[in-house]
PDB file of N, CA and C in Angstrom:
ATOM      1  N   MET A   1      36.167  67.615  67.591  1.00  0.00           N
ATOM      2  CA  MET A   1      37.503  67.106  66.472  1.00  0.00           C
ATOM      3  C   MET A   1      38.740  66.808  66.949  1.00  0.00           C
ATOM      4  N   SER A   2      39.144  65.239  66.658  1.00  0.00           N
ATOM      5  CA  SER A   2      40.510  64.872  67.230  1.00  0.00           C
ATOM      6  C   SER A   2      41.934  66.016  66.984  1.00  0.00           C
ATOM      7  N   GLU A   3      42.418  65.871  68.289  1.00  0.00           N
ATOM      8  CA  GLU A   3      43.793  67.123  68.238  1.00  0.00           C
ATOM      9  C   GLU A   3      44.474  66.595  67.248  1.00  0.00           C
ATOM     10  N   LYS A   4      44.743  65.314  66.997  1.00  0.00           N
ATOM     11  CA  LYS A   4      45.500  65.098  66.351  1.00  0.00           C
ATOM     12  C   LYS A   4      45.628  64.628  65.072  1.00  0.00           C
ATOM     13  N   HIS A   5      44.230  64.279  65.021  1.00  0.00           N
ATOM     14  CA  HIS A   5      43.716  64.471  63.184  1.00  0.00           C
ATOM     15  C   HIS A   5      42.586  65.190  62.995  1.00  0.00           C
ATOM     16  N   ALA A   6      42.980  66.741  61.795  1.00  0.00           N
ATOM     17  CA  ALA A   6      41.384  67.166  61.382  1.00  0.00           C
ATOM     18  C   ALA A   6      40.978  66.642  60.500  1.00  0.00           C
ATOM     19  N   VAL A   7      39.547  66.541  60.725  1.00  0.00           N
ATOM     20  CA  VAL A   7      38.435  66.203  59.897  1.00  0.00           C
ATOM     21  C   VAL A   7      37.609  66.641  59.634  1.00  0.00           C
ATOM     22  N   GLU A   8      37.104  66.644  58.010  1.00  0.00           N
ATOM     23  CA  GLU A   8      36.181  67.393  57.806  1.00  0.00           C
ATOM     24  C   GLU A   8      34.815  66.227  58.498  1.00  0.00           C
ATOM     25  N   THR A   9      33.459  67.443  58.998  1.00  0.00           N
ATOM     26  CA  THR A   9      32.361  66.378  59.943  1.00  0.00           C
ATOM     27  C   THR A   9      30.888  67.054  59.145  1.00  0.00           C
ATOM     28  N   LEU A  10      30.379  66.480  58.528  1.00  0.00           N
ATOM     29  CA  LEU A  10      29.222  66.649  58.155  1.00  0.00           C
ATOM     30  C   LEU A  10      28.206  66.297  59.291  1.00  0.00           C
ATOM     31  N   SER A  11      26.849  67.233  59.385  1.00  0.00           N
ATOM     32  CA  SER A  11      26.282  66.657  60.637  1.00  0.00           C
ATOM     33  C   SER A  11      24.402  67.044  60.242  1.00  0.00           C
ATOM     34  N   LYS A  12      23.662  65.898  60.714  1.00  0.00           N
ATOM     35  CA  LYS A  12      22.574  66.132  60.797  1.00  0.00           C
ATOM     36  C   LYS A  12      21.292  65.849  61.533  1.00  0.00           C
ATOM     37  N   THR A  13      20.451  66.599  61.960  1.00  0.00           N
ATOM     38  CA  THR A  13      19.579  66.162  63.164  1.00  0.00           C
ATOM     39  C   THR A  13      18.438  66.015  62.475  1.00  0.00           C
ATOM     40  N   PHE A  14      17.896  64.629  63.054  1.00  0.00           N
ATOM     41  CA  PHE A  14      16.510  64.081  63.054  1.00  0.00           C
ATOM     42  C   PHE A  14      15.640  64.191  64.071  1.00  0.00           C
ATOM     43  N   THR A  15      14.454  64.576  63.751  1.00  0.00           N
ATOM     44  CA  THR A  15      13.243  65.130  64.674  1.00  0.00           C
ATOM     45  C   THR A  15      12.514  63.935  65.194  1.00  0.00           C
ATOM     46  N   GLY A  16      11.828  63.342  66.191  1.00  0.00           N
ATOM     47  CA  GLY A  16      10.641  62.783  66.385  1.00  0.00           C
ATOM     48  C   GLY A  16      10.283  63.158  67.535  1.00  0.00           C
ATOM     49  N   ALA A  17       9.706  62.145  68.068  1.00  0.00           N
ATOM     50  CA  ALA A  17       9.425  62.389  70.163  1.00  0.00           C
ATOM     51  C   ALA A  17      10.555  62.913  70.498  1.00  0.00           C
ATOM     52  N   ASN A  18      11.812  62.628  70.067  1.00  0.00           N
ATOM     53  CA  ASN A  18      13.463  63.443  70.543  1.00  0.00           C
ATOM     54  C   ASN A  18      13.879  63.977  69.318  1.00  0.00           C
ATOM     55  N   ILE A  19      14.957  64.506  69.870  1.00  0.00           N
ATOM     56  CA  ILE A  19      15.719  65.068  68.887  1.00  0.00           C
ATOM     57  C   ILE A  19      17.573  64.594  69.024  1.00  0.00           C
ATOM     58  N   LEU A  20      17.815  63.821  67.603  1.00  0.00           N
ATOM     59  CA  LEU A  20      18.840  63.408  67.518  1.00  0.00           C
ATOM     60  C   LEU A  20      20.309  63.827  66.634  1.00  0.00           C
ATOM     61  N   THR A  21      21.206  64.551  67.067  1.00  0.00           N
ATOM     62  CA  THR A  21      22.042  64.957  66.083  1.00  0.00           C
ATOM     63  C   THR A  21      23.155  63.629  65.788  1.00  0.00           C
ATOM     64  N   VAL A  22      23.586  63.452  64.409  1.00  0.00           N
ATOM     65  CA  VAL A  22      24.331  62.920  64.108  1.00  0.00           C
ATOM     66  C   VAL A  22      25.818  63.939  63.154  1.00  0.00           C
ATOM     67  N   VAL A  23      26.870  63.527  63.888  1.00  0.00           N
ATOM     68  CA  VAL A  23      28.322  63.938  63.411  1.00  0.00           C
ATOM     69  C   VAL A  23      29.168  62.897  62.607  1.00  0.00           C
ATOM     70  N   ALA A  24      29.265  63.366  61.271  1.00  0.00           N
ATOM     71  CA  ALA A  24      29.909  61.871  60.544  1.00  0.00           C
ATOM     72  C   ALA A  24      31.302  62.709  59.792  1.00  0.00           C
ATOM     73  N   GLY A  25      32.210  61.890  59.853  1.00  0.00           N
ATOM     74  CA  GLY A  25      33.397  62.117  58.476  1.00  0.00           C
ATOM     75  C   GLY A  25      34.431  61.553  58.867  1.00  0.00           C
ATOM     76  N   THR A  26      34.910  61.741  57.457  1.00  0.00           N
ATOM     77  CA  THR A  26      36.420  60.494  57.668  1.00  0.00           C
ATOM     78  C   THR A  26      37.528  61.491  56.549  1.00  0.00           C
ATOM     79  N   ASN A  27      38.513  60.748  56.682  1.00  0.00           N
ATOM     80  CA  ASN A  27      39.623  61.517  55.826  1.00  0.00           C
ATOM     81  C   ASN A  27      40.744  60.407  55.235  1.00  0.00           C
ATOM     82  N   THR A  28      40.315  59.503  55.364  1.00  0.00           N
ATOM     83  CA  THR A  28      40.623  57.964  55.330  1.00  0.00           C
ATOM     84  C   THR A  28      40.683  58.019  53.458  1.00  0.00           C
ATOM     85  N   ASP A  29      42.096  57.123  53.168  1.00  0.00           N
ATOM     86  CA  ASP A  29      42.074  57.311  51.594  1.00  0.00           C
ATOM     87  C   ASP A  29      43.330  55.890  51.716  1.00  0.00           C
ATOM     88  N   ALA A  30      42.974  55.006  50.774  1.00  0.00           N
ATOM     89  CA  ALA A  30      44.106  54.403  50.214  1.00  0.00           C
ATOM     90  C   ALA A  30      45.370  54.469  50.460  1.00  0.00           C
ATOM     91  N   GLY A  31      45.889  54.139  51.630  1.00  0.00           N
ATOM     92  CA  GLY A  31      47.031  53.980  52.042  1.00  0.00           C
ATOM     93  C   GLY A  31      47.963  55.213  52.551  1.00  0.00           C
ATOM     94  N   HIS A  32      47.020  55.868  53.388  1.00  0.00           N
ATOM     95  CA  HIS A  32      47.343  57.151  54.013  1.00  0.00           C
ATOM     96  C   HIS A  32      46.867  57.306  55.116  1.00  0.00           C
ATOM     97  N   GLY A  33      46.106  56.035  55.828  1.00  0.00           N
ATOM     98  CA  GLY A  33      45.475  56.433  57.434  1.00  0.00           C
ATOM     99  C   GLY A  33      45.023  57.490  57.654  1.00  0.00           C
ATOM    100  N   GLY A  34      44.518  57.826  58.378  1.00  0.00           N
ATOM    101  CA  GLY A  34      43.764  59.207  58.652  1.00  0.00           C
ATOM    102  C   GLY A  34      42.707  59.045  60.030  1.00  0.00           C
ATOM    103  N   VAL A  35      41.453  59.825  60.100  1.00  0.00           N
ATOM    104  CA  VAL A  35      40.623  59.174  61.078  1.00  0.00           C
ATOM    105  C   VAL A  35      39.050  59.546  60.622  1.00  0.00           C
ATOM    106  N   THR A  36      38.029  58.822  61.423  1.00  0.00           N
ATOM    107  CA  THR A  36      36.724  58.685  60.900  1.00  0.00           C
ATOM    108  C   THR A  36      36.199  58.633  62.147  1.00  0.00           C
ATOM    109  N   VAL A  37      35.298  59.241  62.125  1.00  0.00           N
ATOM    110  CA  VAL A  37      34.519  59.821  63.142  1.00  0.00           C
ATOM    111  C   VAL A  37      32.813  59.561  62.926  1.00  0.00           C
ATOM    112  N   PHE A  38      32.751  59.010  64.574  1.00  0.00           N
ATOM    113  CA  PHE A  38      31.213  59.171  64.034  1.00  0.00           C
ATOM    114  C   PHE A  38      30.683  59.323  65.996  1.00  0.00           C
ATOM    115  N   GLU A  39      29.550  60.187  65.623  1.00  0.00           N
ATOM    116  CA  GLU A  39      29.293  60.934  67.102  1.00  0.00           C
ATOM    117  C   GLU A  39      27.984  61.559  67.504  1.00  0.00           C
ATOM    118  N   LEU A  40      27.056  61.328  68.096  1.00  0.00           N
ATOM    119  CA  LEU A  40      25.808  60.996  67.816  1.00  0.00           C
ATOM    120  C   LEU A  40      25.353  61.927  69.607  1.00  0.00           C
ATOM    121  N   ARG A  41      24.370  62.976  69.127  1.00  0.00           N
ATOM    122  CA  ARG A  41      24.470  64.209  70.308  1.00  0.00           C
ATOM    123  C   ARG A  41      22.450  63.838  70.255  1.00  0.00           C
ATOM    124  N   ASN A  42      22.415  64.099  71.978  1.00  0.00           N
ATOM    125  CA  ASN A  42      20.970  64.212  72.364  1.00  0.00           C
ATOM    126  C   ASN A  42      20.617  66.036  72.457  1.00  0.00           C
ATOM    127  N   GLU A  43      20.195  65.559  71.583  1.00  0.00           N
ATOM    128  CA  GLU A  43      19.689  67.827  71.335  1.00  0.00           C
ATOM    129  C   GLU A  43      18.478  67.846  72.205  1.00  0.00           C
ATOM    130  N   CYS A  44      16.987  66.537  72.348  1.00  0.00           N
ATOM    131  CA  CYS A  44      16.031  66.876  73.636  1.00  0.00           C
ATOM    132  C   CYS A  44      15.868  65.492  73.571  1.00  0.00           C
ATOM    133  N   GLY A  45      15.109  65.065  74.978  1.00  0.00           N
ATOM    134  CA  GLY A  45      14.548  63.888  75.165  1.00  0.00           C
ATOM    135  C   GLY A  45      14.841  62.421  74.412  1.00  0.00           C
ATOM    136  N   THR A  46      16.089  62.245  74.221  1.00  0.00           N
ATOM    137  CA  THR A  46      16.583  61.290  73.596  1.00  0.00           C
ATOM    138  C   THR A  46      16.885  59.912  74.983  1.00  0.00           C
ATOM    139  N   GLU A  47      16.089  58.882  74.987  1.00  0.00           N
ATOM    140  CA  GLU A  47      16.055  57.901  76.169  1.00  0.00           C
ATOM    141  C   GLU A  47      17.090  57.142  75.318  1.00  0.00           C
ATOM    142  N   TRP A  48      18.676  56.552  76.335  1.00  0.00           N
ATOM    143  CA  TRP A  48      19.255  56.340  76.424  1.00  0.00           C
ATOM    144  C   TRP A  48      20.543  55.812  77.115  1.00  0.00           C
ATOM    145  N   ARG A  49      21.013  54.937  76.531  1.00  0.00           N
ATOM    146  CA  ARG A  49      22.266  54.636  77.932  1.00  0.00           C
ATOM    147  C   ARG A  49      23.874  54.454  77.148  1.00  0.00           C
ATOM    148  N   LEU A  50      24.854  54.234  77.601  1.00  0.00           N
ATOM    149  CA  LEU A  50      26.209  53.991  77.329  1.00  0.00           C
ATOM    150  C   LEU A  50      26.645  52.939  77.640  1.00  0.00           C
ATOM    151  N   ILE A  51      26.803  52.065  77.379  1.00  0.00           N
ATOM    152  CA  ILE A  51      27.736  51.044  78.220  1.00  0.00           C
ATOM    153  C   ILE A  51      29.244  50.644  77.086  1.00  0.00           C
ATOM    154  N   ILE A  52      30.060  50.658  78.007  1.00  0.00           N
ATOM    155  CA  ILE A  52      31.541  50.354  77.611  1.00  0.00           C
ATOM    156  C   ILE A  52      32.201  49.261  78.640  1.00  0.00           C
ATOM    157  N   GLU A  53      32.902  48.862  77.873  1.00  0.00           N
ATOM    158  CA  GLU A  53      33.675  47.282  78.378  1.00  0.00           C
ATOM    159  C   GLU A  53      35.209  47.930  77.599  1.00  0.00           C
ATOM    160  N   ASP A  54      36.082  47.512  79.163  1.00  0.00           N
ATOM    161  CA  ASP A  54      37.254  47.720  78.932  1.00  0.00           C
ATOM    162  C   ASP A  54      38.175  46.445  78.423  1.00  0.00           C
ATOM    163  N   GLU A  55      39.292  45.842  78.648  1.00  0.00           N
ATOM    164  CA  GLU A  55      40.159  45.072  77.634  1.00  0.00           C
ATOM    165  C   GLU A  55      40.010  43.999  79.175  1.00  0.00           C
ATOM    166  N   ALA A  56      39.689  44.244  80.252  1.00  0.00           N
ATOM    167  CA  ALA A  56      39.255  43.426  81.099  1.00  0.00           C
ATOM    168  C   ALA A  56      37.951  42.653  81.237  1.00  0.00           C
ATOM    169  N   GLY A  57      37.135  43.014  80.419  1.00  0.00           N
ATOM    170  CA  GLY A  57      36.280  43.244  80.690  1.00  0.00           C
ATOM    171  C   GLY A  57      34.576  43.291  81.237  1.00  0.00           C
ATOM    172  N   PHE A  58      35.253  44.729  81.652  1.00  0.00           N
ATOM    173  CA  PHE A  58      34.626  45.144  83.004  1.00  0.00           C
ATOM    174  C   PHE A  58      33.498  46.421  82.127  1.00  0.00           C
ATOM    175  N   ARG A  59      32.595  46.140  82.137  1.00  0.00           N
ATOM    176  CA  ARG A  59      31.583  46.922  82.082  1.00  0.00           C
ATOM    177  C   ARG A  59      30.851  48.459  83.057  1.00  0.00           C
ATOM    178  N   LYS A  60      30.780  49.325  82.052  1.00  0.00           N
ATOM    179  CA  LYS A  60      30.246  50.865  83.091  1.00  0.00           C
ATOM    180  C   LYS A  60      29.251  51.003  82.092  1.00  0.00           C
ATOM    181  N   GLN A  61      28.209  51.231  83.116  1.00  0.00           N
ATOM    182  CA  GLN A  61      27.085  51.697  82.123  1.00  0.00           C
ATOM    183  C   GLN A  61      27.016  53.871  82.540  1.00  0.00           C
ATOM    184  N   MET A  62      26.207  54.417  81.089  1.00  0.00           N
ATOM    185  CA  MET A  62      26.874  56.018  82.021  1.00  0.00           C
ATOM    186  C   MET A  62      24.696  56.082  81.437  1.00  0.00           C
ATOM    187  N   GLY A  63      24.340  56.931  82.256  1.00  0.00           N
ATOM    188  CA  GLY A  63      23.065  57.420  81.231  1.00  0.00           C
ATOM    189  C   GLY A  63      23.057  58.825  81.706  1.00  0.00           C
ATOM    190  N   ASP A  64      22.203  59.563  80.996  1.00  0.00           N
ATOM    191  CA  ASP A  64      22.143  61.383  81.387  1.00  0.00           C
ATOM    192  C   ASP A  64      23.733  61.521  79.778  1.00  0.00           C
ATOM    193  N   VAL A  65      24.134  60.836  79.277  1.00  0.00           N
ATOM    194  CA  VAL A  65      24.573  61.177  78.330  1.00  0.00           C
ATOM    195  C   VAL A  65      24.452  62.183  77.533  1.00  0.00           C
ATOM    196  N   ARG A  66      24.698  63.195  77.516  1.00  0.00           N
ATOM    197  CA  ARG A  66      24.670  64.146  76.193  1.00  0.00           C
ATOM    198  C   ARG A  66      25.407  63.598  74.741  1.00  0.00           C
ATOM    199  N   ALA A  67      26.241  63.525  74.782  1.00  0.00           N
ATOM    200  CA  ALA A  67      26.869  62.860  73.287  1.00  0.00           C
ATOM    201  C   ALA A  67      27.835  61.862  73.572  1.00  0.00           C
ATOM    202  N   PHE A  68      27.792  61.321  72.591  1.00  0.00           N
ATOM    203  CA  PHE A  68      29.423  60.403  72.482  1.00  0.00           C
ATOM    204  C   PHE A  68      29.958  60.089  71.150  1.00  0.00           C
ATOM    205  N   ARG A  69      31.422  60.274  71.074  1.00  0.00           N
ATOM    206  CA  ARG A  69      32.109  60.417  69.949  1.00  0.00           C
ATOM    207  C   ARG A  69      33.150  59.250  69.298  1.00  0.00           C
ATOM    208  N   LEU A  70      33.215  58.498  68.419  1.00  0.00           N
ATOM    209  CA  LEU A  70      33.881  57.105  68.376  1.00  0.00           C
ATOM    210  C   LEU A  70      34.873  57.814  67.438  1.00  0.00           C
ATOM    211  N   GLU A  71      36.118  57.672  67.665  1.00  0.00           N
ATOM    212  CA  GLU A  71      37.259  58.096  66.711  1.00  0.00           C
ATOM    213  C   GLU A  71      37.964  57.188  66.120  1.00  0.00           C
ATOM    214  N   LEU A  72      37.968  56.593  65.149  1.00  0.00           N
ATOM    215  CA  LEU A  72      38.991  55.449  64.570  1.00  0.00           C
ATOM    216  C   LEU A  72      39.862  55.708  63.835  1.00  0.00           C
ATOM    217  N   PHE A  73      41.530  54.974  63.886  1.00  0.00           N
ATOM    218  CA  PHE A  73      42.273  55.803  63.187  1.00  0.00           C
ATOM    219  C   PHE A  73      42.649  54.850  61.944  1.00  0.00           C
ATOM    220  N   GLY A  74      43.284  54.937  60.808  1.00  0.00           N
ATOM    221  CA  GLY A  74      43.341  54.081  59.777  1.00  0.00           C
ATOM    222  C   GLY A  74      42.303  53.536  58.798  1.00  0.00           C
ATOM    223  N   ASN A  75      42.896  53.121  58.047  1.00  0.00           N
ATOM    224  CA  ASN A  75      41.775  52.727  56.454  1.00  0.00           C
ATOM    225  C   ASN A  75      41.445  51.405  56.993  1.00  0.00           C
ATOM    226  N   SER A  76      42.312  50.217  57.459  1.00  0.00           N
ATOM    227  CA  SER A  76      41.687  49.535  58.007  1.00  0.00           C
ATOM    228  C   SER A  76      40.371  49.126  58.861  1.00  0.00           C
ATOM    229  N   GLU A  77      40.370  50.263  59.766  1.00  0.00           N
ATOM    230  CA  GLU A  77      39.270  50.640  60.860  1.00  0.00           C
ATOM    231  C   GLU A  77      38.126  51.811  59.889  1.00  0.00           C
ATOM    232  N   ALA A  78      38.315  52.033  59.469  1.00  0.00           N
ATOM    233  CA  ALA A  78      37.218  52.530  58.589  1.00  0.00           C
ATOM    234  C   ALA A  78      36.791  51.382  57.687  1.00  0.00           C
ATOM    235  N   GLU A  79      37.185  51.045  57.082  1.00  0.00           N
ATOM    236  CA  GLU A  79      36.650  49.883  55.928  1.00  0.00           C
ATOM    237  C   GLU A  79      35.622  49.261  56.509  1.00  0.00           C
ATOM    238  N   THR A  80      36.744  48.252  58.184  1.00  0.00           N
ATOM    239  CA  THR A  80      35.545  47.853  58.985  1.00  0.00           C
ATOM    240  C   THR A  80      34.046  48.085  59.236  1.00  0.00           C
ATOM    241  N   PHE A  81      34.730  49.434  59.639  1.00  0.00           N
ATOM    242  CA  PHE A  81      33.486  50.189  60.538  1.00  0.00           C
ATOM    243  C   PHE A  81      32.750  50.707  59.721  1.00  0.00           C
ATOM    244  N   PHE A  82      32.792  50.966  58.484  1.00  0.00           N
ATOM    245  CA  PHE A  82      31.445  50.822  57.292  1.00  0.00           C
ATOM    246  C   PHE A  82      30.838  49.655  56.825  1.00  0.00           C
ATOM    247  N   LYS A  83      31.685  48.717  56.877  1.00  0.00           N
ATOM    248  CA  LYS A  83      31.062  47.830  57.098  1.00  0.00           C
ATOM    249  C   LYS A  83      30.413  47.031  58.106  1.00  0.00           C
ATOM    250  N   ALA A  84      30.638  47.242  59.368  1.00  0.00           N
ATOM    251  CA  ALA A  84      29.990  47.167  60.614  1.00  0.00           C
ATOM    252  C   ALA A  84      28.479  47.992  60.515  1.00  0.00           C
ATOM    253  N   LEU A  85      28.613  48.996  60.175  1.00  0.00           N
ATOM    254  CA  LEU A  85      27.230  50.299  59.845  1.00  0.00           C
ATOM    255  C   LEU A  85      26.378  49.656  58.979  1.00  0.00           C
ATOM    256  N   LYS A  86      27.131  48.802  57.676  1.00  0.00           N
ATOM    257  CA  LYS A  86      25.717  48.762  56.909  1.00  0.00           C
ATOM    258  C   LYS A  86      25.152  47.173  57.210  1.00  0.00           C
ATOM    259  N   PHE A  87      25.799  46.484  57.737  1.00  0.00           N
ATOM    260  CA  PHE A  87      25.515  44.938  58.948  1.00  0.00           C
ATOM    261  C   PHE A  87      24.392  45.452  59.635  1.00  0.00           C
ATOM    262  N   ALA A  88      24.948  46.558  60.425  1.00  0.00           N
ATOM    263  CA  ALA A  88      23.672  46.547  61.556  1.00  0.00           C
ATOM    264  C   ALA A  88      22.748  47.308  61.182  1.00  0.00           C
ATOM    265  N   LEU A  89      22.839  48.176  59.597  1.00  0.00           N
ATOM    266  CA  LEU A  89      21.554  48.796  58.689  1.00  0.00           C
ATOM    267  C   LEU A  89      20.343  47.924  58.713  1.00  0.00           C
ATOM    268  N   LYS A  90      21.155  46.672  57.982  1.00  0.00           N
ATOM    269  CA  LYS A  90      20.166  45.576  57.259  1.00  0.00           C
ATOM    270  C   LYS A  90      19.607  45.169  58.384  1.00  0.00           C
ATOM    271  N   VAL A  91      20.417  44.723  59.669  1.00  0.00           N
ATOM    272  CA  VAL A  91      19.727  44.148  60.715  1.00  0.00           C
ATOM    273  C   VAL A  91      18.409  44.969  61.494  1.00  0.00           C
ATOM    274  N   TYR A  92      18.421  46.459  61.583  1.00  0.00           N
ATOM    275  CA  TYR A  92      17.610  46.757  61.849  1.00  0.00           C
ATOM    276  C   TYR A  92      16.197  46.793  60.696  1.00  0.00           C
ATOM    277  N   LYS A  93      16.337  46.940  59.638  1.00  0.00           N
ATOM    278  CA  LYS A  93      15.637  46.742  58.352  1.00  0.00           C
ATOM    279  C   LYS A  93      14.709  45.500  58.634  1.00  0.00           C
ATOM    280  N   LEU A  94      15.682  44.472  58.709  1.00  0.00           N
ATOM    281  CA  LEU A  94      15.218  43.294  58.810  1.00  0.00           C
ATOM    282  C   LEU A  94      13.765  43.142  59.903  1.00  0.00           C
ATOM    283  N   GLN A  95      14.689  43.161  60.802  1.00  0.00           N
ATOM    284  CA  GLN A  95      13.759  43.185  61.937  1.00  0.00           C
ATOM    285  C   GLN A  95      12.681  44.072  62.119  1.00  0.00           C
ATOM    286  N   ARG A  96      12.621  45.556  61.921  1.00  0.00           N
ATOM    287  CA  ARG A  96      10.998  46.297  61.974  1.00  0.00           C
ATOM    288  C   ARG A  96      10.473  45.527  60.658  1.00  0.00           C
ATOM    289  N   GLU A  97      10.977  45.149  59.764  1.00  0.00           N
ATOM    290  CA  GLU A  97       9.865  44.557  58.445  1.00  0.00           C
ATOM    291  C   GLU A  97       9.097  43.776  59.098  1.00  0.00           C
ATOM    292  N   SER A  98       9.819  42.518  59.702  1.00  0.00           N
ATOM    293  CA  SER A  98       9.645  41.241  60.485  1.00  0.00           C
ATOM    294  C   SER A  98       8.698  41.826  61.786  1.00  0.00           C
ATOM    295  N   GLU A  99       8.717  42.893  61.954  1.00  0.00           N
ATOM    296  CA  GLU A  99       7.515  43.192  63.206  1.00  0.00           C
ATOM    297  C   GLU A  99       6.388  43.603  62.402  1.00  0.00           C
ATOM    298  N   ASN A 100       6.372  44.627  61.541  1.00  0.00           N
ATOM    299  CA  ASN A 100       5.546  45.374  61.016  1.00  0.00           C
ATOM    300  C   ASN A 100       4.308  44.325  60.309  1.00  0.00           C
ATOM    301  N   GLU A 101       4.822  42.791  59.959  1.00  0.00           N
ATOM    302  CA  GLU A 101       3.898  42.057  58.988  1.00  0.00           C
ATOM    303  C   GLU A 101       3.537  40.936  60.259  1.00  0.00           C
ATOM    304  N   LYS A 102       3.721  41.585  61.405  1.00  0.00           N
ATOM    305  CA  LYS A 102       2.781  40.547  62.928  1.00  0.00           C
ATOM    306  C   LYS A 102       1.495  41.277  63.073  1.00  0.00           C
TER     307      LYS A 102
END
C-alpha cells in the first residue's frame, strides 16, 4: 500500500502451470484525485521478466521478480490506465482467437 494514499485493494489468485496473483484497487473519483494500484505476484512458477525504461531511454531488465506494483496518481491517470487495460485485453483476445483458427 502506498504510504501517502491509502487505497483498498482486492486480490485474486489464478492457477495453471504457474500461480499468479493480481492485486488491484482505486480510490479515484471525479475531481478528487487518488491512487490506482495494479500489482502482479509470482506465487509459483511464473516465467517472466520486468523491463523498465527511464526518461533517458535506458532500459533495465530484471529476472527472478517476485512481484511488481504500479501506482498511478490522479483521476486522469486512472482513466487512461483503465482504457489501456481494456485495449490490451481486446488485443490479447483477438490474437488468441486468430491463433486458434490456424
